PDB file of N, CA and C in Angstrom:
ATOM      1  N   MET A   1     -34.898 315.772   6.810  1.00  0.00           N
ATOM      2  CA  MET A   1     -36.026 316.403   7.421  1.00  0.00           C
ATOM      3  C   MET A   1     -35.538 317.302   8.553  1.00  0.00           C
ATOM      4  N   ARG A   2     -36.147 318.439   8.646  1.00  0.00           N
ATOM      5  CA  ARG A   2     -35.810 319.400   9.706  1.00  0.00           C
ATOM      6  C   ARG A   2     -37.042 319.592  10.572  1.00  0.00           C
ATOM      7  N   LYS A   3     -36.887 319.378  11.874  1.00  0.00           N
ATOM      8  CA  LYS A   3     -37.996 319.529  12.813  1.00  0.00           C
ATOM      9  C   LYS A   3     -37.595 320.508  13.907  1.00  0.00           C
ATOM     10  N   ILE A   4     -38.555 321.294  14.361  1.00  0.00           N
ATOM     11  CA  ILE A   4     -38.328 322.245  15.446  1.00  0.00           C
ATOM     12  C   ILE A   4     -39.224 321.852  16.615  1.00  0.00           C
ATOM     13  N   PHE A   5     -38.633 321.823  17.794  1.00  0.00           N
ATOM     14  CA  PHE A   5     -39.350 321.450  19.008  1.00  0.00           C
ATOM     15  C   PHE A   5     -39.223 322.547  20.053  1.00  0.00           C
ATOM     16  N   LYS A   6     -40.237 322.683  20.879  1.00  0.00           N
ATOM     17  CA  LYS A   6     -40.208 323.571  22.043  1.00  0.00           C
ATOM     18  C   LYS A   6     -39.654 322.749  23.196  1.00  0.00           C
ATOM     19  N   VAL A   7     -38.677 323.307  23.917  1.00  0.00           N
ATOM     20  CA  VAL A   7     -38.085 322.625  25.064  1.00  0.00           C
ATOM     21  C   VAL A   7     -38.488 323.389  26.317  1.00  0.00           C
ATOM     22  N   GLU A   8     -39.199 322.724  27.215  1.00  0.00           N
ATOM     23  CA  GLU A   8     -39.633 323.352  28.462  1.00  0.00           C
ATOM     24  C   GLU A   8     -38.866 322.743  29.622  1.00  0.00           C
ATOM     25  N   GLY A   9     -38.484 323.558  30.587  1.00  0.00           N
ATOM     26  CA  GLY A   9     -37.875 323.062  31.802  1.00  0.00           C
ATOM     27  C   GLY A   9     -36.351 323.047  31.813  1.00  0.00           C
ATOM     28  N   LEU A  10     -35.713 323.691  30.847  1.00  0.00           N
ATOM     29  CA  LEU A  10     -34.251 323.795  30.883  1.00  0.00           C
ATOM     30  C   LEU A  10     -33.860 324.857  31.905  1.00  0.00           C
ATOM     31  N   ASP A  11     -32.903 324.521  32.760  1.00  0.00           N
ATOM     32  CA  ASP A  11     -32.527 325.431  33.831  1.00  0.00           C
ATOM     33  C   ASP A  11     -31.403 326.396  33.484  1.00  0.00           C
ATOM     34  N   CYS A  12     -30.521 326.001  32.551  1.00  0.00           N
ATOM     35  CA  CYS A  12     -29.373 326.855  32.250  1.00  0.00           C
ATOM     36  C   CYS A  12     -28.820 326.547  30.854  1.00  0.00           C
ATOM     37  N   ALA A  13     -27.922 327.399  30.405  1.00  0.00           N
ATOM     38  CA  ALA A  13     -27.306 327.215  29.086  1.00  0.00           C
ATOM     39  C   ALA A  13     -26.455 325.948  29.042  1.00  0.00           C
ATOM     40  N   ASN A  14     -25.829 325.613  30.158  1.00  0.00           N
ATOM     41  CA  ASN A  14     -25.026 324.393  30.207  1.00  0.00           C
ATOM     42  C   ASN A  14     -25.917 323.155  30.030  1.00  0.00           C
ATOM     43  N   CYS A  15     -27.100 323.184  30.627  1.00  0.00           N
ATOM     44  CA  CYS A  15     -28.050 322.080  30.462  1.00  0.00           C
ATOM     45  C   CYS A  15     -28.452 321.943  28.988  1.00  0.00           C
ATOM     46  N   ALA A  16     -28.654 323.073  28.330  1.00  0.00           N
ATOM     47  CA  ALA A  16     -29.007 323.056  26.911  1.00  0.00           C
ATOM     48  C   ALA A  16     -27.870 322.455  26.083  1.00  0.00           C
ATOM     49  N   ALA A  17     -26.641 322.801  26.403  1.00  0.00           N
ATOM     50  CA  ALA A  17     -25.484 322.269  25.679  1.00  0.00           C
ATOM     51  C   ALA A  17     -25.358 320.756  25.885  1.00  0.00           C
ATOM     52  N   GLN A  18     -25.587 320.302  27.109  1.00  0.00           N
ATOM     53  CA  GLN A  18     -25.520 318.867  27.386  1.00  0.00           C
ATOM     54  C   GLN A  18     -26.644 318.118  26.685  1.00  0.00           C
ATOM     55  N   LEU A  19     -27.830 318.710  26.653  1.00  0.00           N
ATOM     56  CA  LEU A  19     -28.951 318.100  25.949  1.00  0.00           C
ATOM     57  C   LEU A  19     -28.665 318.023  24.454  1.00  0.00           C
ATOM     58  N   GLU A  20     -28.089 319.077  23.908  1.00  0.00           N
ATOM     59  CA  GLU A  20     -27.736 319.102  22.492  1.00  0.00           C
ATOM     60  C   GLU A  20     -26.796 317.943  22.147  1.00  0.00           C
ATOM     61  N   GLU A  21     -25.788 317.735  22.965  1.00  0.00           N
ATOM     62  CA  GLU A  21     -24.837 316.636  22.721  1.00  0.00           C
ATOM     63  C   GLU A  21     -25.534 315.279  22.817  1.00  0.00           C
ATOM     64  N   ALA A  22     -26.443 315.126  23.755  1.00  0.00           N
ATOM     65  CA  ALA A  22     -27.178 313.865  23.902  1.00  0.00           C
ATOM     66  C   ALA A  22     -28.072 313.610  22.690  1.00  0.00           C
ATOM     67  N   ILE A  23     -28.721 314.652  22.199  1.00  0.00           N
ATOM     68  CA  ILE A  23     -29.618 314.506  21.047  1.00  0.00           C
ATOM     69  C   ILE A  23     -28.821 314.158  19.790  1.00  0.00           C
ATOM     70  N   LYS A  24     -27.636 314.721  19.643  1.00  0.00           N
ATOM     71  CA  LYS A  24     -26.796 314.422  18.474  1.00  0.00           C
ATOM     72  C   LYS A  24     -26.408 312.946  18.410  1.00  0.00           C
ATOM     73  N   LYS A  25     -26.442 312.252  19.548  1.00  0.00           N
ATOM     74  CA  LYS A  25     -26.072 310.834  19.597  1.00  0.00           C
ATOM     75  C   LYS A  25     -27.249 309.900  19.303  1.00  0.00           C
ATOM     76  N   VAL A  26     -28.453 310.446  19.179  1.00  0.00           N
ATOM     77  CA  VAL A  26     -29.629 309.627  18.904  1.00  0.00           C
ATOM     78  C   VAL A  26     -29.548 309.092  17.472  1.00  0.00           C
ATOM     79  N   GLU A  27     -29.851 307.803  17.338  1.00  0.00           N
ATOM     80  CA  GLU A  27     -29.815 307.173  16.015  1.00  0.00           C
ATOM     81  C   GLU A  27     -30.798 307.868  15.077  1.00  0.00           C
ATOM     82  N   GLY A  28     -30.319 308.235  13.902  1.00  0.00           N
ATOM     83  CA  GLY A  28     -31.148 308.912  12.914  1.00  0.00           C
ATOM     84  C   GLY A  28     -30.997 310.423  12.910  1.00  0.00           C
ATOM     85  N   VAL A  29     -30.337 310.978  13.923  1.00  0.00           N
ATOM     86  CA  VAL A  29     -30.141 312.429  14.010  1.00  0.00           C
ATOM     87  C   VAL A  29     -28.817 312.790  13.334  1.00  0.00           C
ATOM     88  N   ASP A  30     -28.892 313.682  12.351  1.00  0.00           N
ATOM     89  CA  ASP A  30     -27.692 314.147  11.660  1.00  0.00           C
ATOM     90  C   ASP A  30     -27.059 315.329  12.393  1.00  0.00           C
ATOM     91  N   ASP A  31     -27.901 316.219  12.917  1.00  0.00           N
ATOM     92  CA  ASP A  31     -27.404 317.387  13.641  1.00  0.00           C
ATOM     93  C   ASP A  31     -28.519 317.913  14.540  1.00  0.00           C
ATOM     94  N   ALA A  32     -28.126 318.609  15.583  1.00  0.00           N
ATOM     95  CA  ALA A  32     -29.106 319.185  16.506  1.00  0.00           C
ATOM     96  C   ALA A  32     -28.552 320.458  17.112  1.00  0.00           C
ATOM     97  N   THR A  33     -29.448 321.386  17.394  1.00  0.00           N
ATOM     98  CA  THR A  33     -29.108 322.631  18.061  1.00  0.00           C
ATOM     99  C   THR A  33     -30.157 322.896  19.124  1.00  0.00           C
ATOM    100  N   VAL A  34     -29.717 323.169  20.347  1.00  0.00           N
ATOM    101  CA  VAL A  34     -30.634 323.520  21.423  1.00  0.00           C
ATOM    102  C   VAL A  34     -30.285 324.926  21.873  1.00  0.00           C
ATOM    103  N   ASN A  35     -31.265 325.829  21.812  1.00  0.00           N
ATOM    104  CA  ASN A  35     -31.069 327.218  22.193  1.00  0.00           C
ATOM    105  C   ASN A  35     -31.775 327.484  23.519  1.00  0.00           C
ATOM    106  N   PHE A  36     -30.996 327.775  24.551  1.00  0.00           N
ATOM    107  CA  PHE A  36     -31.548 328.007  25.883  1.00  0.00           C
ATOM    108  C   PHE A  36     -32.424 329.262  25.914  1.00  0.00           C
ATOM    109  N   ILE A  37     -32.018 330.300  25.229  1.00  0.00           N
ATOM    110  CA  ILE A  37     -32.750 331.574  25.259  1.00  0.00           C
ATOM    111  C   ILE A  37     -34.140 331.432  24.634  1.00  0.00           C
ATOM    112  N   THR A  38     -34.214 330.809  23.452  1.00  0.00           N
ATOM    113  CA  THR A  38     -35.502 330.665  22.767  1.00  0.00           C
ATOM    114  C   THR A  38     -36.261 329.419  23.204  1.00  0.00           C
ATOM    115  N   GLN A  39     -35.584 328.533  23.970  1.00  0.00           N
ATOM    116  CA  GLN A  39     -36.188 327.276  24.424  1.00  0.00           C
ATOM    117  C   GLN A  39     -36.638 326.414  23.241  1.00  0.00           C
ATOM    118  N   LYS A  40     -35.819 326.409  22.182  1.00  0.00           N
ATOM    119  CA  LYS A  40     -36.131 325.621  20.987  1.00  0.00           C
ATOM    120  C   LYS A  40     -34.997 324.661  20.653  1.00  0.00           C
ATOM    121  N   MET A  41     -35.376 323.547  20.062  1.00  0.00           N
ATOM    122  CA  MET A  41     -34.418 322.551  19.591  1.00  0.00           C
ATOM    123  C   MET A  41     -34.717 322.299  18.118  1.00  0.00           C
ATOM    124  N   ILE A  42     -33.671 322.410  17.307  1.00  0.00           N
ATOM    125  CA  ILE A  42     -33.786 322.137  15.878  1.00  0.00           C
ATOM    126  C   ILE A  42     -33.037 320.843  15.606  1.00  0.00           C
ATOM    127  N   VAL A  43     -33.724 319.899  14.963  1.00  0.00           N
ATOM    128  CA  VAL A  43     -33.134 318.593  14.695  1.00  0.00           C
ATOM    129  C   VAL A  43     -33.155 318.327  13.192  1.00  0.00           C
ATOM    130  N   GLU A  44     -31.989 318.011  12.660  1.00  0.00           N
ATOM    131  CA  GLU A  44     -31.863 317.564  11.266  1.00  0.00           C
ATOM    132  C   GLU A  44     -31.763 316.049  11.316  1.00  0.00           C
ATOM    133  N   SER A  45     -32.602 315.369  10.548  1.00  0.00           N
ATOM    134  CA  SER A  45     -32.653 313.917  10.641  1.00  0.00           C
ATOM    135  C   SER A  45     -32.838 313.277   9.273  1.00  0.00           C
ATOM    136  N   ASN A  46     -32.327 312.056   9.162  1.00  0.00           N
ATOM    137  CA  ASN A  46     -32.550 311.267   7.954  1.00  0.00           C
ATOM    138  C   ASN A  46     -33.595 310.188   8.209  1.00  0.00           C
ATOM    139  N   CYS A  47     -34.203 310.211   9.377  1.00  0.00           N
ATOM    140  CA  CYS A  47     -35.205 309.226   9.788  1.00  0.00           C
ATOM    141  C   CYS A  47     -36.538 309.526   9.094  1.00  0.00           C
ATOM    142  N   GLU A  48     -37.131 308.508   8.472  1.00  0.00           N
ATOM    143  CA  GLU A  48     -38.398 308.712   7.771  1.00  0.00           C
ATOM    144  C   GLU A  48     -39.602 308.556   8.684  1.00  0.00           C
ATOM    145  N   ASP A  49     -39.441 307.851   9.793  1.00  0.00           N
ATOM    146  CA  ASP A  49     -40.529 307.626  10.735  1.00  0.00           C
ATOM    147  C   ASP A  49     -40.486 308.712  11.814  1.00  0.00           C
ATOM    148  N   GLU A  50     -41.276 309.769  11.610  1.00  0.00           N
ATOM    149  CA  GLU A  50     -41.253 310.912  12.521  1.00  0.00           C
ATOM    150  C   GLU A  50     -41.701 310.532  13.926  1.00  0.00           C
ATOM    151  N   GLU A  51     -42.662 309.646  14.044  1.00  0.00           N
ATOM    152  CA  GLU A  51     -43.158 309.237  15.353  1.00  0.00           C
ATOM    153  C   GLU A  51     -42.077 308.503  16.144  1.00  0.00           C
ATOM    154  N   GLU A  52     -41.357 307.617  15.477  1.00  0.00           N
ATOM    155  CA  GLU A  52     -40.276 306.869  16.130  1.00  0.00           C
ATOM    156  C   GLU A  52     -39.151 307.815  16.550  1.00  0.00           C
ATOM    157  N   LEU A  53     -38.817 308.765  15.683  1.00  0.00           N
ATOM    158  CA  LEU A  53     -37.778 309.745  16.008  1.00  0.00           C
ATOM    159  C   LEU A  53     -38.187 310.550  17.236  1.00  0.00           C
ATOM    160  N   PHE A  54     -39.445 311.004  17.293  1.00  0.00           N
ATOM    161  CA  PHE A  54     -39.917 311.795  18.428  1.00  0.00           C
ATOM    162  C   PHE A  54     -39.811 310.994  19.725  1.00  0.00           C
ATOM    163  N   LYS A  55     -40.143 309.706  19.679  1.00  0.00           N
ATOM    164  CA  LYS A  55     -40.017 308.847  20.866  1.00  0.00           C
ATOM    165  C   LYS A  55     -38.563 308.773  21.330  1.00  0.00           C
ATOM    166  N   LYS A  56     -37.643 308.635  20.379  1.00  0.00           N
ATOM    167  CA  LYS A  56     -36.211 308.566  20.722  1.00  0.00           C
ATOM    168  C   LYS A  56     -35.727 309.887  21.317  1.00  0.00           C
ATOM    169  N   LEU A  57     -36.196 310.991  20.754  1.00  0.00           N
ATOM    170  CA  LEU A  57     -35.803 312.311  21.252  1.00  0.00           C
ATOM    171  C   LEU A  57     -36.337 312.539  22.665  1.00  0.00           C
ATOM    172  N   LYS A  58     -37.585 312.143  22.912  1.00  0.00           N
ATOM    173  CA  LYS A  58     -38.165 312.275  24.252  1.00  0.00           C
ATOM    174  C   LYS A  58     -37.388 311.446  25.264  1.00  0.00           C
ATOM    175  N   LYS A  59     -37.023 310.228  24.882  1.00  0.00           N
ATOM    176  CA  LYS A  59     -36.288 309.342  25.783  1.00  0.00           C
ATOM    177  C   LYS A  59     -34.911 309.927  26.111  1.00  0.00           C
ATOM    178  N   ALA A  60     -34.209 310.419  25.085  1.00  0.00           N
ATOM    179  CA  ALA A  60     -32.883 311.007  25.292  1.00  0.00           C
ATOM    180  C   ALA A  60     -32.979 312.265  26.151  1.00  0.00           C
ATOM    181  N   THR A  61     -34.021 313.056  25.939  1.00  0.00           N
ATOM    182  CA  THR A  61     -34.219 314.275  26.728  1.00  0.00           C
ATOM    183  C   THR A  61     -34.476 313.917  28.191  1.00  0.00           C
ATOM    184  N   LYS A  62     -35.331 312.948  28.423  1.00  0.00           N
ATOM    185  CA  LYS A  62     -35.662 312.534  29.796  1.00  0.00           C
ATOM    186  C   LYS A  62     -34.426 311.990  30.513  1.00  0.00           C
ATOM    187  N   ARG A  63     -33.594 311.236  29.778  1.00  0.00           N
ATOM    188  CA  ARG A  63     -32.379 310.668  30.371  1.00  0.00           C
ATOM    189  C   ARG A  63     -31.385 311.765  30.741  1.00  0.00           C
ATOM    190  N   GLN A  64     -31.208 312.751  29.860  1.00  0.00           N
ATOM    191  CA  GLN A  64     -30.216 313.808  30.087  1.00  0.00           C
ATOM    192  C   GLN A  64     -30.720 314.878  31.044  1.00  0.00           C
ATOM    193  N   GLU A  65     -31.949 315.307  30.845  1.00  0.00           N
ATOM    194  CA  GLU A  65     -32.539 316.389  31.642  1.00  0.00           C
ATOM    195  C   GLU A  65     -33.930 315.951  32.102  1.00  0.00           C
ATOM    196  N   PRO A  66     -34.017 315.258  33.235  1.00  0.00           N
ATOM    197  CA  PRO A  66     -35.296 314.695  33.685  1.00  0.00           C
ATOM    198  C   PRO A  66     -36.440 315.707  33.829  1.00  0.00           C
ATOM    199  N   ASP A  67     -36.135 316.968  34.093  1.00  0.00           N
ATOM    200  CA  ASP A  67     -37.175 317.966  34.260  1.00  0.00           C
ATOM    201  C   ASP A  67     -37.602 318.619  32.956  1.00  0.00           C
ATOM    202  N   ALA A  68     -36.859 318.385  31.884  1.00  0.00           N
ATOM    203  CA  ALA A  68     -37.160 319.019  30.595  1.00  0.00           C
ATOM    204  C   ALA A  68     -38.153 318.180  29.805  1.00  0.00           C
ATOM    205  N   LYS A  69     -38.981 318.873  29.025  1.00  0.00           N
ATOM    206  CA  LYS A  69     -39.946 318.205  28.162  1.00  0.00           C
ATOM    207  C   LYS A  69     -39.862 318.856  26.783  1.00  0.00           C
ATOM    208  N   ILE A  70     -40.039 318.028  25.751  1.00  0.00           N
ATOM    209  CA  ILE A  70     -40.067 318.580  24.397  1.00  0.00           C
ATOM    210  C   ILE A  70     -41.458 318.405  23.808  1.00  0.00           C
ATOM    211  N   LYS A  71     -41.829 319.385  23.007  1.00  0.00           N
ATOM    212  CA  LYS A  71     -43.136 319.367  22.324  1.00  0.00           C
ATOM    213  C   LYS A  71     -42.913 319.755  20.876  1.00  0.00           C
ATOM    214  N   GLU A  72     -43.657 319.112  19.990  1.00  0.00           N
ATOM    215  CA  GLU A  72     -43.575 319.479  18.588  1.00  0.00           C
ATOM    216  C   GLU A  72     -44.249 320.830  18.379  1.00  0.00           C
ATOM    217  N   ILE A  73     -43.658 321.618  17.506  1.00  0.00           N
ATOM    218  CA  ILE A  73     -44.226 322.931  17.183  1.00  0.00           C
ATOM    219  C   ILE A  73     -45.007 322.797  15.893  1.00  0.00           C
TER     220      ILE A  73
END
């Protein structure tokens, strides 16, 4: 499954890179890309429970970048 999220509150490209690495470590995530310019995150996942995956992504985002928020597009 491929999901695209809007990322609000990223301060710099380095923050986006660090968030990308944190998201890649989330259980069920196969790959992730965070683009600072477009403020979008693309997540490739093998997780069938989209709601559970979104909760994990929000938690990882809050831990890595407390000011950033993700929203489903």
